[in-house]
Amino acid sequence: MSKEQNTTISKNGIGFGGLLTIVFIILKLTNVIAWSWLWVLAPLWIGVALSILGIILMVLGVMLAKKWSKK
């Protein structure tokens, strides 16, 4: 007889954007790069901006699909 096991896999980690942000912060603090803080933190806000853009595009797609299905 075999028992079924429920296996949960969770992925915890910093991710590419977080790692890139840390590298940029270290480079900024050690005066290797002379970028503004806006660009040093860009990997964080660019990811958020792309997510928001994706949500907006999905909502628009659903609205257009509903509009076209009524015709």
N, C-alpha and C. Protein backbone atom coordinates (compact mmCIF):
# COMPACT_ATOMS: atom_id res chain seq x y z
N MET A 1 0.84 -1.18 0.00
CA MET A 1 0.00 0.00 0.00
C MET A 1 0.88 1.24 0.00
N SER A 2 0.46 2.21 -0.76
CA SER A 2 1.25 3.44 -0.81
C SER A 2 0.42 4.60 -0.27
N LYS A 3 1.09 5.46 0.41
CA LYS A 3 0.43 6.66 0.94
C LYS A 3 0.67 7.81 -0.02
N GLU A 4 -0.35 8.60 -0.23
CA GLU A 4 -0.18 9.80 -1.04
C GLU A 4 0.38 10.91 -0.16
N GLN A 5 1.36 11.57 -0.68
CA GLN A 5 1.95 12.67 0.07
C GLN A 5 1.65 13.97 -0.65
N ASN A 6 1.23 14.94 0.11
CA ASN A 6 1.07 16.28 -0.43
C ASN A 6 2.39 17.01 -0.25
N THR A 7 2.99 17.35 -1.35
CA THR A 7 4.27 18.03 -1.31
C THR A 7 4.08 19.47 -1.73
N THR A 8 4.52 20.36 -0.90
CA THR A 8 4.44 21.78 -1.21
C THR A 8 5.84 22.30 -1.46
N ILE A 9 5.98 22.92 -2.62
CA ILE A 9 7.27 23.51 -2.96
C ILE A 9 7.11 25.01 -2.90
N SER A 10 7.91 25.63 -2.08
CA SER A 10 7.86 27.09 -2.00
C SER A 10 9.21 27.65 -2.42
N LYS A 11 9.13 28.74 -3.14
CA LYS A 11 10.35 29.37 -3.62
C LYS A 11 10.51 30.69 -2.90
N ASN A 12 11.49 30.75 -2.06
CA ASN A 12 11.80 31.98 -1.35
C ASN A 12 13.18 32.42 -1.79
N GLY A 13 13.29 33.66 -2.13
CA GLY A 13 14.59 34.14 -2.55
C GLY A 13 14.50 35.60 -2.94
N ILE A 14 15.63 36.13 -3.29
CA ILE A 14 15.69 37.55 -3.57
C ILE A 14 15.32 37.86 -5.02
N GLY A 15 15.58 36.97 -5.93
CA GLY A 15 15.26 37.20 -7.33
C GLY A 15 16.28 38.06 -8.04
N PHE A 16 16.16 38.09 -9.35
CA PHE A 16 17.13 38.81 -10.17
C PHE A 16 17.07 40.32 -9.94
N GLY A 17 15.86 40.88 -9.89
CA GLY A 17 15.72 42.32 -9.67
C GLY A 17 16.26 42.76 -8.33
N GLY A 18 16.01 41.99 -7.30
CA GLY A 18 16.52 42.31 -5.97
C GLY A 18 18.04 42.23 -5.90
N LEU A 19 18.58 41.20 -6.53
CA LEU A 19 20.04 41.06 -6.56
C LEU A 19 20.68 42.20 -7.34
N LEU A 20 20.10 42.56 -8.46
CA LEU A 20 20.62 43.66 -9.25
C LEU A 20 20.55 44.98 -8.48
N THR A 21 19.48 45.18 -7.74
CA THR A 21 19.36 46.38 -6.91
C THR A 21 20.45 46.43 -5.85
N ILE A 22 20.70 45.32 -5.20
CA ILE A 22 21.76 45.27 -4.18
C ILE A 22 23.12 45.58 -4.79
N VAL A 23 23.38 45.02 -5.97
CA VAL A 23 24.66 45.30 -6.65
C VAL A 23 24.77 46.78 -6.97
N PHE A 24 23.69 47.38 -7.49
CA PHE A 24 23.72 48.81 -7.82
C PHE A 24 23.92 49.67 -6.58
N ILE A 25 23.28 49.30 -5.48
CA ILE A 25 23.43 50.07 -4.24
C ILE A 25 24.88 50.00 -3.75
N ILE A 26 25.47 48.81 -3.79
CA ILE A 26 26.87 48.67 -3.36
C ILE A 26 27.78 49.50 -4.25
N LEU A 27 27.55 49.45 -5.56
CA LEU A 27 28.37 50.24 -6.48
C LEU A 27 28.21 51.73 -6.24
N LYS A 28 26.99 52.17 -5.92
CA LYS A 28 26.74 53.58 -5.65
C LYS A 28 27.43 54.02 -4.35
N LEU A 29 27.31 53.21 -3.32
CA LEU A 29 27.89 53.57 -2.03
C LEU A 29 29.42 53.53 -2.03
N THR A 30 30.00 52.75 -2.93
CA THR A 30 31.46 52.71 -3.03
C THR A 30 31.99 53.65 -4.11
N ASN A 31 31.12 54.50 -4.62
CA ASN A 31 31.47 55.51 -5.63
C ASN A 31 32.03 54.93 -6.92
N VAL A 32 31.63 53.72 -7.27
CA VAL A 32 32.02 53.14 -8.54
C VAL A 32 31.16 53.71 -9.66
N ILE A 33 29.88 53.93 -9.36
CA ILE A 33 28.98 54.56 -10.32
C ILE A 33 28.48 55.88 -9.73
N ALA A 34 28.16 56.81 -10.60
CA ALA A 34 27.70 58.12 -10.14
C ALA A 34 26.26 58.36 -10.58
N TRP A 35 25.47 57.30 -10.61
CA TRP A 35 24.08 57.40 -11.03
C TRP A 35 23.25 58.06 -9.93
N SER A 36 22.10 58.60 -10.32
CA SER A 36 21.17 59.10 -9.32
C SER A 36 20.50 57.89 -8.65
N TRP A 37 19.95 58.14 -7.48
CA TRP A 37 19.29 57.05 -6.76
C TRP A 37 18.08 56.52 -7.51
N LEU A 38 17.48 57.35 -8.35
CA LEU A 38 16.35 56.90 -9.17
C LEU A 38 16.75 55.71 -10.02
N TRP A 39 17.92 55.78 -10.64
CA TRP A 39 18.37 54.70 -11.52
C TRP A 39 18.99 53.55 -10.73
N VAL A 40 19.55 53.82 -9.59
CA VAL A 40 20.09 52.74 -8.76
C VAL A 40 18.95 51.82 -8.30
N LEU A 41 17.82 52.42 -7.98
CA LEU A 41 16.67 51.64 -7.53
C LEU A 41 15.73 51.23 -8.66
N ALA A 42 16.11 51.49 -9.89
CA ALA A 42 15.28 51.20 -11.05
C ALA A 42 14.84 49.73 -11.16
N PRO A 43 15.67 48.74 -10.83
CA PRO A 43 15.18 47.36 -10.94
C PRO A 43 13.94 47.10 -10.08
N LEU A 44 13.77 47.85 -9.01
CA LEU A 44 12.58 47.66 -8.17
C LEU A 44 11.35 48.29 -8.80
N TRP A 45 11.47 49.56 -9.21
CA TRP A 45 10.27 50.23 -9.71
C TRP A 45 9.94 49.84 -11.14
N ILE A 46 10.91 49.40 -11.92
CA ILE A 46 10.60 48.95 -13.27
C ILE A 46 9.77 47.67 -13.23
N GLY A 47 10.09 46.77 -12.31
CA GLY A 47 9.30 45.55 -12.16
C GLY A 47 7.87 45.84 -11.76
N VAL A 48 7.69 46.77 -10.84
CA VAL A 48 6.34 47.16 -10.42
C VAL A 48 5.59 47.83 -11.57
N ALA A 49 6.27 48.71 -12.30
CA ALA A 49 5.64 49.40 -13.42
C ALA A 49 5.21 48.42 -14.51
N LEU A 50 6.04 47.42 -14.81
CA LEU A 50 5.67 46.42 -15.81
C LEU A 50 4.48 45.58 -15.35
N SER A 51 4.42 45.27 -14.07
CA SER A 51 3.29 44.52 -13.54
C SER A 51 1.99 45.32 -13.66
N ILE A 52 2.06 46.60 -13.32
CA ILE A 52 0.88 47.46 -13.42
C ILE A 52 0.45 47.59 -14.88
N LEU A 53 1.41 47.76 -15.79
CA LEU A 53 1.10 47.85 -17.21
C LEU A 53 0.43 46.57 -17.71
N GLY A 54 0.92 45.42 -17.26
CA GLY A 54 0.31 44.15 -17.64
C GLY A 54 -1.12 44.03 -17.16
N ILE A 55 -1.39 44.46 -15.94
CA ILE A 55 -2.75 44.42 -15.40
C ILE A 55 -3.67 45.33 -16.21
N ILE A 56 -3.18 46.54 -16.53
CA ILE A 56 -3.98 47.48 -17.32
C ILE A 56 -4.30 46.89 -18.69
N LEU A 57 -3.32 46.28 -19.33
CA LEU A 57 -3.55 45.68 -20.64
C LEU A 57 -4.54 44.52 -20.58
N MET A 58 -4.48 43.73 -19.52
CA MET A 58 -5.44 42.63 -19.37
C MET A 58 -6.85 43.16 -19.18
N VAL A 59 -7.01 44.19 -18.36
CA VAL A 59 -8.33 44.78 -18.13
C VAL A 59 -8.88 45.35 -19.43
N LEU A 60 -8.04 46.06 -20.19
CA LEU A 60 -8.49 46.60 -21.47
C LEU A 60 -8.87 45.48 -22.44
N GLY A 61 -8.10 44.41 -22.45
CA GLY A 61 -8.42 43.27 -23.30
C GLY A 61 -9.76 42.65 -22.97
N VAL A 62 -10.04 42.50 -21.68
CA VAL A 62 -11.33 41.95 -21.26
C VAL A 62 -12.47 42.88 -21.63
N MET A 63 -12.27 44.19 -21.45
CA MET A 63 -13.30 45.16 -21.80
C MET A 63 -13.57 45.15 -23.30
N LEU A 64 -12.54 45.08 -24.12
CA LEU A 64 -12.73 45.03 -25.57
C LEU A 64 -13.39 43.74 -26.00
N ALA A 65 -13.03 42.62 -25.37
CA ALA A 65 -13.64 41.34 -25.71
C ALA A 65 -15.13 41.35 -25.39
N LYS A 66 -15.51 41.94 -24.27
CA LYS A 66 -16.93 42.04 -23.91
C LYS A 66 -17.67 42.92 -24.88
N LYS A 67 -17.03 44.03 -25.28
CA LYS A 67 -17.65 44.96 -26.21
C LYS A 67 -17.88 44.30 -27.57
N TRP A 68 -16.89 43.57 -28.06
CA TRP A 68 -17.02 42.92 -29.36
C TRP A 68 -18.00 41.75 -29.32
N SER A 69 -18.14 41.08 -28.19
CA SER A 69 -19.05 39.93 -28.12
C SER A 69 -20.51 40.39 -28.09
N LYS A 70 -20.76 41.64 -27.72
CA LYS A 70 -22.14 42.15 -27.70
C LYS A 70 -22.64 42.50 -29.10
N LYS A 71 -21.74 42.72 -30.06
CA LYS A 71 -22.14 43.10 -31.41
C LYS A 71 -22.71 41.98 -32.19
